Protein backbone atom coordinates (compact mmCIF):
# COMPACT_ATOMS: atom_id res chain seq x y z
CA MET A 1 -18.55 -8.42 -245.56
CA ALA A 2 -21.53 -10.76 -246.02
CA GLU A 3 -19.12 -13.71 -245.96
CA GLU A 4 -17.58 -12.48 -242.68
CA SER A 5 -21.05 -12.04 -241.19
CA ALA A 6 -22.11 -15.53 -242.27
CA SER A 7 -18.86 -16.94 -240.91
CA ALA A 8 -19.35 -15.14 -237.59
CA GLU A 9 -22.93 -16.46 -237.34
CA ALA A 10 -21.75 -20.01 -238.05
CA SER A 11 -19.03 -19.62 -235.43
CA GLN A 12 -21.55 -18.33 -232.88
CA GLN A 13 -23.91 -21.20 -233.63
CA SER A 14 -21.05 -23.67 -233.20
CA ALA A 15 -20.05 -22.08 -229.89
CA ALA A 16 -23.64 -22.03 -228.68
CA THR A 17 -24.03 -25.70 -229.55
CA GLY A 18 -20.78 -26.45 -227.76
CA SER A 19 -21.79 -24.58 -224.63
CA GLU A 20 -25.10 -26.46 -224.57
CA ILE A 21 -23.20 -29.75 -224.76
CA LEU A 22 -20.80 -28.71 -222.01
CA HIS A 23 -23.48 -27.03 -219.85
CA VAL A 24 -21.49 -23.84 -219.34
CA PRO A 25 -22.37 -20.24 -220.06
CA LYS A 26 -21.10 -19.07 -223.41
CA ALA A 27 -18.23 -16.60 -223.33
CA VAL A 28 -19.35 -13.36 -224.95
CA PHE A 29 -17.01 -10.76 -226.38
CA ILE A 30 -17.72 -7.41 -224.71
CA GLU A 31 -17.85 -4.79 -227.41
CA ASP A 32 -19.28 -1.91 -225.35
CA VAL A 33 -17.47 -2.05 -222.02
CA ALA A 34 -19.25 1.02 -220.59
CA ALA A 35 -22.66 -0.54 -221.24
CA PHE A 36 -21.49 -3.86 -219.80
CA LEU A 37 -20.33 -2.15 -216.60
CA GLU A 38 -23.59 -0.26 -216.00
CA GLY A 39 -24.76 -0.96 -212.48
CA ARG A 40 -21.55 -2.64 -211.32
CA THR A 41 -17.91 -1.91 -210.74
CA ALA A 42 -15.06 -3.09 -212.92
CA ASP A 43 -13.79 -5.21 -210.03
CA GLU A 44 -17.15 -7.01 -209.75
CA ALA A 45 -17.25 -7.66 -213.49
CA ILE A 46 -13.65 -8.89 -213.54
CA LYS A 47 -14.34 -11.16 -210.55
CA GLU A 48 -17.33 -12.68 -212.37
CA LEU A 49 -15.35 -13.15 -215.59
CA ASN A 50 -12.44 -14.68 -213.66
CA ALA A 51 -14.84 -17.23 -212.14
CA ASN A 52 -16.06 -18.13 -215.64
CA TYR A 53 -12.47 -18.29 -216.87
CA GLN A 54 -11.52 -20.71 -214.08
CA ASN A 55 -14.53 -22.90 -214.95
CA TYR A 56 -13.53 -22.95 -218.62
CA LYS A 57 -9.97 -23.93 -217.74
CA LEU A 58 -11.17 -26.65 -215.35
CA ILE A 59 -13.49 -28.12 -217.98
CA GLU A 60 -10.71 -27.93 -220.58
CA GLN A 61 -8.39 -29.83 -218.23
CA GLU A 62 -11.05 -32.51 -217.61
CA LEU A 63 -11.60 -32.83 -221.36
CA GLN A 64 -7.85 -33.23 -221.92
CA GLN A 65 -7.75 -36.04 -219.32
CA SER A 66 -10.75 -37.68 -220.98
CA ARG A 67 -8.95 -37.42 -224.31
CA LEU A 68 -5.89 -39.20 -222.89
CA ARG A 69 -8.11 -42.04 -221.63
CA LEU A 70 -9.79 -42.35 -225.05
CA VAL A 71 -6.47 -42.30 -226.89
CA ALA A 72 -5.23 -45.13 -224.66
CA LYS A 73 -8.48 -47.09 -224.95
CA ILE A 74 -8.72 -47.17 -228.76
CA PRO A 75 -5.60 -49.35 -229.34
CA GLU A 76 -6.79 -51.77 -226.63
CA ILE A 77 -10.15 -52.16 -228.36
CA GLN A 78 -8.45 -52.56 -231.75
CA LYS A 79 -6.17 -55.26 -230.34
CA ALA A 80 -9.11 -57.16 -228.79
CA LEU A 81 -11.10 -56.85 -232.03
CA ALA A 82 -8.16 -58.19 -234.07
CA ALA A 83 -7.86 -61.16 -231.70
CA VAL A 84 -11.57 -61.96 -231.97
CA GLU A 85 -11.45 -61.68 -235.77
CA MET A 86 -8.45 -64.03 -235.83
CA LEU A 87 -10.36 -66.55 -233.68
CA ILE A 88 -13.37 -66.31 -236.02
CA ASN A 89 -11.12 -66.92 -239.06
CA LYS A 90 -9.39 -69.89 -237.42
CA GLN A 91 -12.77 -71.33 -236.38
CA GLN A 92 -14.09 -71.06 -239.95
CA GLU A 93 -10.95 -72.75 -241.29
CA GLY A 94 -11.11 -75.43 -238.57
CA GLN A 95 -7.53 -74.68 -237.51
CA GLU A 96 -5.91 -74.87 -234.10
CA VAL A 97 -4.63 -71.69 -232.49
CA VAL A 98 -1.67 -71.46 -230.14
CA LEU A 99 -2.32 -68.73 -227.58
CA ASP A 100 -0.40 -67.27 -224.65
CA PHE A 101 -2.52 -67.06 -221.51
CA GLY A 102 -1.54 -64.79 -218.67
CA LEU A 103 -1.38 -66.76 -215.43
CA SER A 104 -0.13 -63.83 -213.40
CA GLU A 105 1.88 -60.70 -214.03
CA GLN A 106 4.59 -61.55 -216.58
CA ILE A 107 3.91 -65.31 -216.35
CA PHE A 108 2.32 -66.89 -219.41
CA ALA A 109 1.42 -70.39 -220.54
CA LYS A 110 0.90 -71.61 -224.10
CA ALA A 111 -2.29 -73.43 -225.01
CA LYS A 112 -3.60 -74.98 -228.20
CA VAL A 113 -7.29 -74.33 -228.77
CA LYS A 114 -9.61 -75.48 -231.49
CA ASP A 115 -13.27 -74.73 -232.19
CA VAL A 116 -13.38 -71.64 -229.99
CA SER A 117 -16.99 -70.50 -229.82
CA SER A 118 -16.81 -67.72 -227.22
CA VAL A 119 -14.46 -65.25 -225.53
CA GLY A 120 -14.44 -63.38 -222.26
CA LEU A 121 -14.39 -59.57 -222.51
CA TRP A 122 -13.56 -57.25 -219.66
CA LEU A 123 -16.42 -54.81 -219.15
CA GLY A 124 -14.66 -52.81 -216.46
CA ALA A 125 -14.85 -52.72 -212.65
CA ASP A 126 -13.22 -56.19 -212.61
CA VAL A 127 -16.17 -57.71 -214.47
CA MET A 128 -15.71 -60.12 -217.35
CA LEU A 129 -18.54 -61.50 -219.46
CA GLU A 130 -18.49 -64.37 -221.93
CA TYR A 131 -19.70 -63.59 -225.46
CA PRO A 132 -20.10 -65.73 -228.58
CA LEU A 133 -17.43 -64.72 -231.11
CA GLU A 134 -19.77 -62.85 -233.49
CA GLU A 135 -21.41 -60.93 -230.62
CA ALA A 136 -17.97 -60.07 -229.24
CA LYS A 137 -16.93 -58.77 -232.66
CA GLN A 138 -20.09 -56.64 -232.93
CA LEU A 139 -19.63 -55.28 -229.39
CA LEU A 140 -15.98 -54.42 -229.94
CA THR A 141 -16.72 -52.82 -233.32
CA THR A 142 -19.46 -50.70 -231.72
CA ASN A 143 -17.15 -49.76 -228.84
CA LEU A 144 -14.37 -48.80 -231.26
CA ASN A 145 -16.70 -46.63 -233.34
CA ASN A 146 -18.09 -44.97 -230.18
CA ALA A 147 -14.58 -44.30 -228.85
CA LYS A 148 -13.52 -42.70 -232.16
CA GLU A 149 -16.68 -40.58 -232.25
CA ASN A 150 -16.17 -39.54 -228.63
CA LEU A 151 -12.61 -38.52 -229.50
CA LYS A 152 -13.90 -36.26 -232.29
CA THR A 153 -16.50 -34.73 -229.98
CA ASN A 154 -13.88 -34.26 -227.28
CA SER A 155 -11.61 -32.44 -229.73
CA LYS A 156 -14.41 -30.03 -230.69
CA GLU A 157 -15.26 -29.41 -227.02
CA VAL A 158 -11.60 -28.69 -226.18
CA ASP A 159 -11.50 -26.15 -229.02
CA ILE A 160 -14.69 -24.51 -227.74
CA MET A 161 -13.27 -24.23 -224.21
CA LYS A 162 -10.06 -22.71 -225.58
CA ASP A 163 -12.13 -20.16 -227.53
CA PHE A 164 -14.20 -19.36 -224.43
CA SER A 165 -11.02 -18.93 -222.34
CA THR A 166 -9.44 -16.62 -224.91
CA THR A 167 -12.62 -14.55 -225.27
CA THR A 168 -12.87 -14.20 -221.50
CA GLU A 169 -9.21 -13.18 -221.20
CA VAL A 170 -9.75 -10.49 -223.83
CA SER A 171 -12.91 -9.27 -222.05
CA ILE A 172 -11.09 -9.07 -218.71
CA ALA A 173 -8.28 -7.06 -220.34
CA ARG A 174 -10.77 -4.71 -222.02
CA ILE A 175 -12.59 -4.05 -218.73
CA TYR A 176 -9.32 -3.52 -216.88
CA ASN A 177 -8.00 -1.10 -219.52
CA PHE A 178 -11.33 0.75 -219.63
CA ASP A 179 -11.29 1.13 -215.83
CA VAL A 180 -7.66 2.40 -215.81
CA THR A 181 -8.48 4.93 -218.54
CA ARG A 182 -11.65 6.05 -216.72
CA LYS A 183 -9.73 6.53 -213.43
CA ARG A 184 -6.93 8.44 -215.18
CA THR A 185 -9.45 10.69 -216.93
CA SER A 186 -11.24 11.27 -213.62
CA LYS A 187 -7.97 12.24 -211.87
CA GLU A 188 -6.98 14.57 -214.68
CA GLY A 189 -10.42 16.20 -214.56
CA LYS A 190 -10.12 16.86 -210.80
CA GLY A 191 -6.48 17.97 -210.99
CA GLY A 192 -6.96 20.21 -214.01
CA GLY A 193 -9.90 22.22 -212.57
């Protein structure tokens, strides 16, 4: 029992941390539906929970799209980093490198280069900046580590949104069932008297 309680507290702390990161209200399991409905109708409560549910699903979808972008970005960074490391090795050995340069889409030219001291890296928004090889390696290594860390964070946030969605679905069902039972009991009380 103490283990379950500690586990539940850890889970709540994790969810609270996640909701703070995502800037959304935390989904709360409604244990006492009657107390939750005090001062409002079941329809009002369900409408509010449905709005939260839609927000959770929207955020989850945005996180999934972000995940796809990160998953596509990581191999690109790894490929660029490998190319820069190869250039650094060839420079240290004093060897020539034969490279394929893209002239236009699907048109390449071969070039022999020696003593390469810098590379151009795309920063985004059609901007390229020239970096010395060691700086380029450091930048790409940092970008790769950040992308991997962002992927881990994204995965945790997706899990939190899924938990919030499930909790909200359960709460909506509990309120709906409570309201149906209350109406049935009310009808039976009027019809039976």
